[in-house]
Amino acid sequence: MNNNKLYEEITNKIIEKLENGVIAWRRPYSDANYPVNWNTGKMYRGINMMLLDGGEYATFKQISKAGGKIKKGEKAHTVVFWKMLDIEDEESGEEKKVPMLRTYKVFEINTQVEGLESKREVVEYDNEPIDQAKSIVNEYFSRNNSPKFTRKIGVPCYIPSEDRVCMPKINDFINSEEYYSTFFHEMVHSTGHNDRLKREAVNKKISFGNNDYSKEELVAEIGASMLSAEARIDTVTIDNSASYIDNWLQQLRNDKTLIVKAAQKAQKATDYILNREFDK
């Protein structure tokens, strides 16, 4: 596979995750949700953190050698790495090192493979529900027009095509406050569905380089901060929220009205979740 096709494949994979509501670089939760090499236990780095969901991965050769078997119909995941090659400089004739992008295919041990056991020691945090935050979540999902909810290991997300919020367990997060803050973030996304507040960025197909999705992320995080304040957990989560929001603002500095528009949409989303009247 040449580099152009490889870059295209990686880019498409990231776009697919964005389309499914997954922000792969935002993970305020336990190591069990990060991708690691099954053989060594080492965490994948760089862009592989964005390409792989949480889990333990191994190559076909490693799986076969260990006595495992890939489940029928399972598709491999692509992992990339840079390999330094020694080549001769055409002008000087001296040897120099040049980085070359390489790929290999891996499978997730726990979900795609039979006959092998996890080597990972799962660490769970001793977190307890926060009554006021839990009440906000339960009230929202108890309505007739609420999105679907699935308890799922891996990256928290809202999937617009299924109108579904997916969240790991509370014990997978570094603390209870981050669990609810992340939950609120995905709930705010869900308010943009066509059956609710009809925010365009939630309902249309994302295109690479389009700022609409970035703006929607900003809305979701501001809304999560507002809901965290309602639940009285904002003093714990505000630093992470500010850092996250600033990450998106760096890409959108030219739009001086962005923060005002995003805050307005976030307030409407918050009012919707809290079942309050708002100015349509």
C-alpha atoms as a PDB file:
ATOM      1  CA  MET A   1       0.000   0.000   0.000  1.00  0.00           C
ATOM      2  CA  ASN A   2       1.519   3.367  -1.012  1.00  0.00           C
ATOM      3  CA  ASN A   3       1.573   6.248   1.436  1.00  0.00           C
ATOM      4  CA  ASN A   4      -1.176   8.237  -0.271  1.00  0.00           C
ATOM      5  CA  LYS A   5      -3.621   5.345  -0.021  1.00  0.00           C
ATOM      6  CA  LEU A   6      -2.519   4.681   3.545  1.00  0.00           C
ATOM      7  CA  TYR A   7      -3.089   8.308   4.545  1.00  0.00           C
ATOM      8  CA  GLU A   8      -6.496   8.169   2.865  1.00  0.00           C
ATOM      9  CA  GLU A   9      -7.406   4.986   4.769  1.00  0.00           C
ATOM     10  CA  ILE A  10      -6.351   6.490   8.098  1.00  0.00           C
ATOM     11  CA  THR A  11      -8.163   9.749   7.371  1.00  0.00           C
ATOM     12  CA  ASN A  12     -11.330   7.892   6.405  1.00  0.00           C
ATOM     13  CA  LYS A  13     -11.173   5.865   9.609  1.00  0.00           C
ATOM     14  CA  ILE A  14     -10.920   9.019  11.720  1.00  0.00           C
ATOM     15  CA  ILE A  15     -13.774  10.624   9.765  1.00  0.00           C
ATOM     16  CA  GLU A  16     -15.856   7.493  10.393  1.00  0.00           C
ATOM     17  CA  LYS A  17     -15.249   7.840  14.119  1.00  0.00           C
ATOM     18  CA  LEU A  18     -16.223  11.510  13.993  1.00  0.00           C
ATOM     19  CA  GLU A  19     -19.365  10.609  12.037  1.00  0.00           C
ATOM     20  CA  ASN A  20     -20.256   8.171  14.814  1.00  0.00           C
ATOM     21  CA  GLY A  21     -19.752  10.807  17.465  1.00  0.00           C
ATOM     22  CA  VAL A  22     -16.460   9.446  18.749  1.00  0.00           C
ATOM     23  CA  ILE A  23     -13.818  11.939  19.842  1.00  0.00           C
ATOM     24  CA  ALA A  24     -11.003   9.453  20.097  1.00  0.00           C
ATOM     25  CA  TRP A  25      -8.509  11.759  21.792  1.00  0.00           C
ATOM     26  CA  ARG A  26     -10.786  12.669  24.699  1.00  0.00           C
ATOM     27  CA  ARG A  27     -10.559   9.847  27.218  1.00  0.00           C
ATOM     28  CA  PRO A  28     -10.906  10.833  30.893  1.00  0.00           C
ATOM     29  CA  TYR A  29     -11.242   7.244  31.995  1.00  0.00           C
ATOM     30  CA  SER A  30      -9.338   4.148  33.036  1.00  0.00           C
ATOM     31  CA  ASP A  31      -6.560   2.306  31.216  1.00  0.00           C
ATOM     32  CA  ALA A  32      -9.005  -0.488  30.399  1.00  0.00           C
ATOM     33  CA  ASN A  33     -10.449   1.738  27.671  1.00  0.00           C
ATOM     34  CA  TYR A  34      -7.119   2.379  25.938  1.00  0.00           C
ATOM     35  CA  PRO A  35      -5.722   0.168  23.138  1.00  0.00           C
ATOM     36  CA  VAL A  36      -2.676  -1.930  24.045  1.00  0.00           C
ATOM     37  CA  ASN A  37      -0.546  -4.639  22.474  1.00  0.00           C
ATOM     38  CA  TRP A  38      -1.783  -8.001  23.796  1.00  0.00           C
ATOM     39  CA  ASN A  39       1.718  -9.537  23.843  1.00  0.00           C
ATOM     40  CA  THR A  40       3.605  -6.730  25.553  1.00  0.00           C
ATOM     41  CA  GLY A  41       0.848  -4.799  27.342  1.00  0.00           C
ATOM     42  CA  LYS A  42       2.292  -1.569  25.952  1.00  0.00           C
ATOM     43  CA  MET A  43      -0.131   1.177  25.032  1.00  0.00           C
ATOM     44  CA  TYR A  44      -0.381   2.180  21.388  1.00  0.00           C
ATOM     45  CA  ARG A  45       0.804   5.699  20.670  1.00  0.00           C
ATOM     46  CA  GLY A  46       0.270   8.541  18.224  1.00  0.00           C
ATOM     47  CA  ILE A  47      -2.397   8.173  15.584  1.00  0.00           C
ATOM     48  CA  ASN A  48      -3.008   4.551  16.613  1.00  0.00           C
ATOM     49  CA  MET A  49      -4.743   5.935  19.712  1.00  0.00           C
ATOM     50  CA  MET A  50      -7.291   7.432  17.336  1.00  0.00           C
ATOM     51  CA  LEU A  51      -7.590   4.421  15.039  1.00  0.00           C
ATOM     52  CA  LEU A  52      -8.210   1.794  17.734  1.00  0.00           C
ATOM     53  CA  ASP A  53     -10.918   1.493  20.355  1.00  0.00           C
ATOM     54  CA  GLY A  54     -10.017   0.355  23.852  1.00  0.00           C
ATOM     55  CA  GLY A  55      -8.835  -3.257  23.975  1.00  0.00           C
ATOM     56  CA  GLU A  56      -5.939  -5.688  23.478  1.00  0.00           C
ATOM     57  CA  TYR A  57      -4.681  -6.236  19.950  1.00  0.00           C
ATOM     58  CA  ALA A  58      -2.504  -8.865  18.290  1.00  0.00           C
ATOM     59  CA  THR A  59      -1.556  -9.856  14.738  1.00  0.00           C
ATOM     60  CA  PHE A  60      -2.872 -12.976  12.980  1.00  0.00           C
ATOM     61  CA  LYS A  61       0.546 -14.619  13.415  1.00  0.00           C
ATOM     62  CA  GLN A  62       0.657 -13.867  17.143  1.00  0.00           C
ATOM     63  CA  ILE A  63      -2.883 -15.153  17.631  1.00  0.00           C
ATOM     64  CA  SER A  64      -2.216 -18.382  15.717  1.00  0.00           C
ATOM     65  CA  LYS A  65       1.070 -19.006  17.537  1.00  0.00           C
ATOM     66  CA  ALA A  66      -0.688 -18.634  20.899  1.00  0.00           C
ATOM     67  CA  GLY A  67      -3.387 -21.143  19.893  1.00  0.00           C
ATOM     68  CA  GLY A  68      -6.166 -18.639  19.224  1.00  0.00           C
ATOM     69  CA  LYS A  69      -8.586 -18.375  16.328  1.00  0.00           C
ATOM     70  CA  ILE A  70     -10.113 -15.303  14.713  1.00  0.00           C
ATOM     71  CA  LYS A  71     -13.903 -15.383  14.718  1.00  0.00           C
ATOM     72  CA  LYS A  72     -15.583 -15.840  11.362  1.00  0.00           C
ATOM     73  CA  GLY A  73     -16.324 -12.594   9.552  1.00  0.00           C
ATOM     74  CA  GLU A  74     -14.145 -10.381  11.756  1.00  0.00           C
ATOM     75  CA  LYS A  75     -12.195  -7.651   9.964  1.00  0.00           C
ATOM     76  CA  ALA A  76      -8.691  -6.556  10.938  1.00  0.00           C
ATOM     77  CA  HIS A  77      -7.772  -3.098  12.226  1.00  0.00           C
ATOM     78  CA  THR A  78      -4.879  -1.149  10.705  1.00  0.00           C
ATOM     79  CA  VAL A  79      -1.962  -0.081  12.904  1.00  0.00           C
ATOM     80  CA  VAL A  80       0.751   2.233  11.592  1.00  0.00           C
ATOM     81  CA  PHE A  81       4.355   2.799  12.597  1.00  0.00           C
ATOM     82  CA  TRP A  82       7.466   4.526  11.299  1.00  0.00           C
ATOM     83  CA  LYS A  83      10.479   2.417  10.386  1.00  0.00           C
ATOM     84  CA  MET A  84      13.883   4.034   9.836  1.00  0.00           C
ATOM     85  CA  LEU A  85      15.560   2.868   6.613  1.00  0.00           C
ATOM     86  CA  ASP A  86      19.245   3.258   5.761  1.00  0.00           C
ATOM     87  CA  ILE A  87      19.706   4.683   2.253  1.00  0.00           C
ATOM     88  CA  GLU A  88      22.568   6.248   0.353  1.00  0.00           C
ATOM     89  CA  ASP A  89      22.440   9.995  -0.246  1.00  0.00           C
ATOM     90  CA  GLU A  90      22.553  10.595  -4.015  1.00  0.00           C
ATOM     91  CA  GLU A  91      24.719  13.699  -3.721  1.00  0.00           C
ATOM     92  CA  SER A  92      27.159  12.889  -0.930  1.00  0.00           C
ATOM     93  CA  GLY A  93      27.132   9.115  -1.203  1.00  0.00           C
ATOM     94  CA  GLU A  94      26.865   8.939   2.562  1.00  0.00           C
ATOM     95  CA  GLU A  95      24.385   6.713   4.322  1.00  0.00           C
ATOM     96  CA  LYS A  96      21.409   8.417   5.939  1.00  0.00           C
ATOM     97  CA  LYS A  97      18.261   7.341   7.748  1.00  0.00           C
ATOM     98  CA  VAL A  98      14.857   8.018   6.207  1.00  0.00           C
ATOM     99  CA  PRO A  99      11.517   7.359   7.949  1.00  0.00           C
ATOM    100  CA  MET A 100       9.156   5.057   6.060  1.00  0.00           C
ATOM    101  CA  LEU A 101       5.529   4.559   7.033  1.00  0.00           C
ATOM    102  CA  ARG A 102       4.531   0.912   7.515  1.00  0.00           C
ATOM    103  CA  THR A 103       1.305  -0.831   8.492  1.00  0.00           C
ATOM    104  CA  TYR A 104       0.165  -4.135   9.922  1.00  0.00           C
ATOM    105  CA  LYS A 105      -3.197  -5.672  10.714  1.00  0.00           C
ATOM    106  CA  VAL A 106      -4.396  -6.559  14.211  1.00  0.00           C
ATOM    107  CA  PHE A 107      -7.451  -8.082  15.877  1.00  0.00           C
ATOM    108  CA  GLU A 108      -8.952  -7.315  19.295  1.00  0.00           C
ATOM    109  CA  ILE A 109      -8.489 -10.322  21.581  1.00  0.00           C
ATOM    110  CA  ASN A 110     -11.639 -10.029  23.678  1.00  0.00           C
ATOM    111  CA  THR A 111     -14.170  -9.367  20.917  1.00  0.00           C
ATOM    112  CA  GLN A 112     -12.690 -10.804  17.703  1.00  0.00           C
ATOM    113  CA  VAL A 113     -10.717 -13.842  18.840  1.00  0.00           C
ATOM    114  CA  GLU A 114     -11.553 -17.247  20.347  1.00  0.00           C
ATOM    115  CA  GLY A 115      -9.292 -19.368  22.553  1.00  0.00           C
ATOM    116  CA  LEU A 116      -7.183 -16.595  24.109  1.00  0.00           C
ATOM    117  CA  GLU A 117      -7.580 -14.797  27.413  1.00  0.00           C
ATOM    118  CA  SER A 118      -6.997 -11.194  28.345  1.00  0.00           C
ATOM    119  CA  LYS A 119      -3.609 -10.382  29.867  1.00  0.00           C
ATOM    120  CA  ARG A 120      -4.677  -6.960  31.041  1.00  0.00           C
ATOM    121  CA  GLU A 121      -5.208  -6.225  34.681  1.00  0.00           C
ATOM    122  CA  VAL A 122      -8.378  -4.168  34.709  1.00  0.00           C
ATOM    123  CA  VAL A 123      -8.346  -1.296  37.177  1.00  0.00           C
ATOM    124  CA  GLU A 124     -11.724  -0.063  38.338  1.00  0.00           C
ATOM    125  CA  TYR A 125     -12.130   3.146  40.299  1.00  0.00           C
ATOM    126  CA  ASP A 126     -14.189   3.134  43.459  1.00  0.00           C
ATOM    127  CA  ASN A 127     -16.698   5.715  42.222  1.00  0.00           C
ATOM    128  CA  GLU A 128     -20.158   6.328  43.601  1.00  0.00           C
ATOM    129  CA  PRO A 129     -23.136   7.937  41.836  1.00  0.00           C
ATOM    130  CA  ILE A 130     -23.701  11.641  42.477  1.00  0.00           C
ATOM    131  CA  ASP A 131     -27.393  12.057  43.261  1.00  0.00           C
ATOM    132  CA  GLN A 132     -28.011  15.391  41.549  1.00  0.00           C
ATOM    133  CA  ALA A 133     -26.101  14.407  38.399  1.00  0.00           C
ATOM    134  CA  LYS A 134     -27.745  10.977  38.299  1.00  0.00           C
ATOM    135  CA  SER A 135     -31.152  12.620  38.568  1.00  0.00           C
ATOM    136  CA  ILE A 136     -30.430  14.795  35.504  1.00  0.00           C
ATOM    137  CA  VAL A 137     -29.406  11.740  33.476  1.00  0.00           C
ATOM    138  CA  ASN A 138     -32.342   9.577  34.579  1.00  0.00           C
ATOM    139  CA  GLU A 139     -34.929  12.284  33.982  1.00  0.00           C
ATOM    140  CA  TYR A 140     -33.673  12.937  30.449  1.00  0.00           C
ATOM    141  CA  PHE A 141     -33.658   9.280  29.407  1.00  0.00           C
ATOM    142  CA  SER A 142     -37.063   8.601  30.986  1.00  0.00           C
ATOM    143  CA  ARG A 143     -38.921  10.812  28.495  1.00  0.00           C
ATOM    144  CA  ASN A 144     -40.843   9.467  25.524  1.00  0.00           C
ATOM    145  CA  ASN A 145     -38.661  11.403  23.099  1.00  0.00           C
ATOM    146  CA  SER A 146     -35.324  10.489  24.662  1.00  0.00           C
ATOM    147  CA  PRO A 147     -32.448   8.900  22.709  1.00  0.00           C
ATOM    148  CA  LYS A 148     -31.598   5.233  23.196  1.00  0.00           C
ATOM    149  CA  PHE A 149     -28.894   4.372  25.716  1.00  0.00           C
ATOM    150  CA  THR A 150     -26.324   1.559  25.656  1.00  0.00           C
ATOM    151  CA  ARG A 151     -23.783   0.655  28.337  1.00  0.00           C
ATOM    152  CA  LYS A 152     -20.651  -0.082  26.323  1.00  0.00           C
ATOM    153  CA  ILE A 153     -16.921  -0.374  27.002  1.00  0.00           C
ATOM    154  CA  GLY A 154     -14.728   1.926  24.935  1.00  0.00           C
ATOM    155  CA  VAL A 155     -15.094   5.508  23.807  1.00  0.00           C
ATOM    156  CA  PRO A 156     -18.196   7.410  24.995  1.00  0.00           C
ATOM    157  CA  CYS A 157     -20.193   8.644  22.023  1.00  0.00           C
ATOM    158  CA  TYR A 158     -23.501   9.742  20.555  1.00  0.00           C
ATOM    159  CA  ILE A 159     -24.401   7.990  17.273  1.00  0.00           C
ATOM    160  CA  PRO A 160     -26.830  10.213  15.321  1.00  0.00           C
ATOM    161  CA  SER A 161     -27.812   7.516  12.806  1.00  0.00           C
ATOM    162  CA  GLU A 162     -29.078   5.334  15.672  1.00  0.00           C
ATOM    163  CA  ASP A 163     -30.016   8.207  17.985  1.00  0.00           C
ATOM    164  CA  ARG A 164     -28.031   6.387  20.661  1.00  0.00           C
ATOM    165  CA  VAL A 165     -25.776   7.462  23.538  1.00  0.00           C
ATOM    166  CA  CYS A 166     -23.064   4.931  24.486  1.00  0.00           C
ATOM    167  CA  MET A 167     -21.208   5.150  27.808  1.00  0.00           C
ATOM    168  CA  PRO A 168     -18.755   2.945  29.752  1.00  0.00           C
ATOM    169  CA  LYS A 169     -19.373   2.179  33.443  1.00  0.00           C
ATOM    170  CA  ILE A 170     -18.880   4.815  36.108  1.00  0.00           C
ATOM    171  CA  ASN A 171     -16.031   2.715  37.575  1.00  0.00           C
ATOM    172  CA  ASP A 172     -14.074   3.080  34.318  1.00  0.00           C
ATOM    173  CA  PHE A 173     -13.638   6.818  34.914  1.00  0.00           C
ATOM    174  CA  ILE A 174     -10.985   8.506  37.022  1.00  0.00           C
ATOM    175  CA  ASN A 175     -13.711   9.964  39.223  1.00  0.00           C
ATOM    176  CA  SER A 176     -17.503  10.259  39.361  1.00  0.00           C
ATOM    177  CA  GLU A 177     -17.461  13.900  38.288  1.00  0.00           C
ATOM    178  CA  GLU A 178     -15.671  13.113  35.003  1.00  0.00           C
ATOM    179  CA  TYR A 179     -18.140  10.301  34.345  1.00  0.00           C
ATOM    180  CA  TYR A 180     -21.127  12.623  34.596  1.00  0.00           C
ATOM    181  CA  SER A 181     -19.397  15.469  32.750  1.00  0.00           C
ATOM    182  CA  THR A 182     -18.682  13.107  29.844  1.00  0.00           C
ATOM    183  CA  PHE A 183     -22.236  11.744  30.025  1.00  0.00           C
ATOM    184  CA  PHE A 184     -23.584  15.308  29.848  1.00  0.00           C
ATOM    185  CA  HIS A 185     -21.380  15.988  26.804  1.00  0.00           C
ATOM    186  CA  GLU A 186     -22.946  13.110  24.873  1.00  0.00           C
ATOM    187  CA  MET A 187     -26.443  14.041  26.063  1.00  0.00           C
ATOM    188  CA  VAL A 188     -25.991  17.561  24.683  1.00  0.00           C
ATOM    189  CA  HIS A 189     -25.019  16.072  21.320  1.00  0.00           C
ATOM    190  CA  SER A 190     -28.235  14.052  21.347  1.00  0.00           C
ATOM    191  CA  THR A 191     -30.364  17.191  21.729  1.00  0.00           C
ATOM    192  CA  GLY A 192     -29.279  18.214  18.223  1.00  0.00           C
ATOM    193  CA  HIS A 193     -31.148  15.305  16.631  1.00  0.00           C
ATOM    194  CA  ASN A 194     -33.883  16.188  14.105  1.00  0.00           C
ATOM    195  CA  ASP A 195     -36.530  15.011  16.576  1.00  0.00           C
ATOM    196  CA  ARG A 196     -35.293  17.577  19.116  1.00  0.00           C
ATOM    197  CA  LEU A 197     -33.422  20.849  18.478  1.00  0.00           C
ATOM    198  CA  LYS A 198     -32.340  20.065  14.896  1.00  0.00           C
ATOM    199  CA  ARG A 199     -28.751  21.290  14.944  1.00  0.00           C
ATOM    200  CA  GLU A 200     -27.372  20.879  11.443  1.00  0.00           C
ATOM    201  CA  ALA A 201     -23.941  19.587  12.454  1.00  0.00           C
ATOM    202  CA  VAL A 202     -25.529  16.617  14.264  1.00  0.00           C
ATOM    203  CA  ASN A 203     -27.740  15.544  11.374  1.00  0.00           C
ATOM    204  CA  LYS A 204     -25.737  16.068   8.201  1.00  0.00           C
ATOM    205  CA  LYS A 205     -22.892  13.917   6.936  1.00  0.00           C
ATOM    206  CA  ILE A 206     -19.538  15.297   8.022  1.00  0.00           C
ATOM    207  CA  SER A 207     -16.969  16.291   5.398  1.00  0.00           C
ATOM    208  CA  PHE A 208     -13.244  16.375   6.098  1.00  0.00           C
ATOM    209  CA  GLY A 209     -12.030  19.849   7.026  1.00  0.00           C
ATOM    210  CA  ASN A 210     -15.545  21.114   7.741  1.00  0.00           C
ATOM    211  CA  ASN A 211     -15.735  23.288  10.858  1.00  0.00           C
ATOM    212  CA  ASP A 212     -19.374  22.464  11.606  1.00  0.00           C
ATOM    213  CA  TYR A 213     -18.481  19.399  13.635  1.00  0.00           C
ATOM    214  CA  SER A 214     -15.871  21.348  15.583  1.00  0.00           C
ATOM    215  CA  LYS A 215     -18.522  23.919  16.426  1.00  0.00           C
ATOM    216  CA  GLU A 216     -20.877  21.162  17.582  1.00  0.00           C
ATOM    217  CA  GLU A 217     -18.146  19.817  19.862  1.00  0.00           C
ATOM    218  CA  LEU A 218     -17.802  23.248  21.373  1.00  0.00           C
ATOM    219  CA  VAL A 219     -21.575  23.379  21.955  1.00  0.00           C
ATOM    220  CA  ALA A 220     -21.479  19.964  23.615  1.00  0.00           C
ATOM    221  CA  GLU A 221     -18.653  20.834  25.978  1.00  0.00           C
ATOM    222  CA  ILE A 222     -20.095  24.195  26.975  1.00  0.00           C
ATOM    223  CA  GLY A 223     -23.434  22.455  27.556  1.00  0.00           C
ATOM    224  CA  ALA A 224     -21.706  19.790  29.635  1.00  0.00           C
ATOM    225  CA  SER A 225     -20.119  22.535  31.734  1.00  0.00           C
ATOM    226  CA  MET A 226     -23.547  24.129  32.269  1.00  0.00           C
ATOM    227  CA  LEU A 227     -25.066  20.798  33.336  1.00  0.00           C
ATOM    228  CA  SER A 228     -22.092  20.152  35.603  1.00  0.00           C
ATOM    229  CA  ALA A 229     -22.814  23.458  37.277  1.00  0.00           C
ATOM    230  CA  GLU A 230     -26.441  22.382  37.744  1.00  0.00           C
ATOM    231  CA  ALA A 231     -25.214  19.190  39.389  1.00  0.00           C
ATOM    232  CA  ARG A 232     -22.678  21.131  41.497  1.00  0.00           C
ATOM    233  CA  ILE A 233     -19.687  19.224  40.100  1.00  0.00           C
ATOM    234  CA  ASP A 234     -18.262  22.012  37.927  1.00  0.00           C
ATOM    235  CA  THR A 235     -15.445  22.869  40.339  1.00  0.00           C
ATOM    236  CA  VAL A 236     -13.939  19.414  39.695  1.00  0.00           C
ATOM    237  CA  THR A 237     -14.434  19.255  35.919  1.00  0.00           C
ATOM    238  CA  ILE A 238     -13.909  22.865  34.834  1.00  0.00           C
ATOM    239  CA  ASP A 239     -10.151  22.564  34.141  1.00  0.00           C
ATOM    240  CA  ASN A 240     -10.630  19.627  31.785  1.00  0.00           C
ATOM    241  CA  SER A 241     -13.559  21.330  30.066  1.00  0.00           C
ATOM    242  CA  ALA A 242     -11.582  24.549  29.593  1.00  0.00           C
ATOM    243  CA  SER A 243      -8.628  22.650  28.134  1.00  0.00           C
ATOM    244  CA  TYR A 244     -10.916  20.704  25.809  1.00  0.00           C
ATOM    245  CA  ILE A 245     -12.783  23.799  24.629  1.00  0.00           C
ATOM    246  CA  ASP A 246      -9.530  25.670  24.010  1.00  0.00           C
ATOM    247  CA  ASN A 247      -8.350  22.801  21.826  1.00  0.00           C
ATOM    248  CA  TRP A 248     -11.287  23.402  19.490  1.00  0.00           C
ATOM    249  CA  LEU A 249     -11.095  27.189  19.675  1.00  0.00           C
ATOM    250  CA  GLN A 250      -7.518  27.129  18.404  1.00  0.00           C
ATOM    251  CA  GLN A 251      -8.889  25.896  15.071  1.00  0.00           C
ATOM    252  CA  LEU A 252     -11.663  28.485  14.924  1.00  0.00           C
ATOM    253  CA  ARG A 253      -9.999  31.736  15.998  1.00  0.00           C
ATOM    254  CA  ASN A 254     -11.183  33.637  12.913  1.00  0.00           C
ATOM    255  CA  ASP A 255     -14.837  33.378  13.943  1.00  0.00           C
ATOM    256  CA  LYS A 256     -15.150  36.046  16.608  1.00  0.00           C
ATOM    257  CA  THR A 257     -18.837  35.255  17.163  1.00  0.00           C
ATOM    258  CA  LEU A 258     -18.249  31.542  17.695  1.00  0.00           C
ATOM    259  CA  ILE A 259     -18.228  31.458  21.483  1.00  0.00           C
ATOM    260  CA  VAL A 260     -21.424  33.539  21.710  1.00  0.00           C
ATOM    261  CA  LYS A 261     -23.276  31.373  19.181  1.00  0.00           C
ATOM    262  CA  ALA A 262     -22.034  28.152  20.764  1.00  0.00           C
ATOM    263  CA  ALA A 263     -23.021  29.277  24.252  1.00  0.00           C
ATOM    264  CA  GLN A 264     -26.511  30.176  23.017  1.00  0.00           C
ATOM    265  CA  LYS A 265     -26.986  26.727  21.479  1.00  0.00           C
ATOM    266  CA  ALA A 266     -25.519  25.086  24.574  1.00  0.00           C
ATOM    267  CA  GLN A 267     -27.997  26.936  26.768  1.00  0.00           C
ATOM    268  CA  LYS A 268     -30.925  25.724  24.630  1.00  0.00           C
ATOM    269  CA  ALA A 269     -29.605  22.183  24.817  1.00  0.00           C
ATOM    270  CA  THR A 270     -29.202  22.440  28.586  1.00  0.00           C
ATOM    271  CA  ASP A 271     -32.732  23.797  28.988  1.00  0.00           C
ATOM    272  CA  TYR A 272     -34.039  20.949  26.827  1.00  0.00           C
ATOM    273  CA  ILE A 273     -32.287  18.317  28.937  1.00  0.00           C
ATOM    274  CA  LEU A 274     -33.532  19.942  32.144  1.00  0.00           C
ATOM    275  CA  ASN A 275     -37.042  20.198  30.646  1.00  0.00           C
ATOM    276  CA  ARG A 276     -37.163  23.966  31.042  1.00  0.00           C
ATOM    277  CA  GLU A 277     -38.894  26.494  28.842  1.00  0.00           C
ATOM    278  CA  PHE A 278     -36.576  28.306  26.449  1.00  0.00           C
ATOM    279  CA  ASP A 279     -36.852  30.909  23.724  1.00  0.00           C
ATOM    280  CA  LYS A 280     -37.290  29.082  20.425  1.00  0.00           C
END
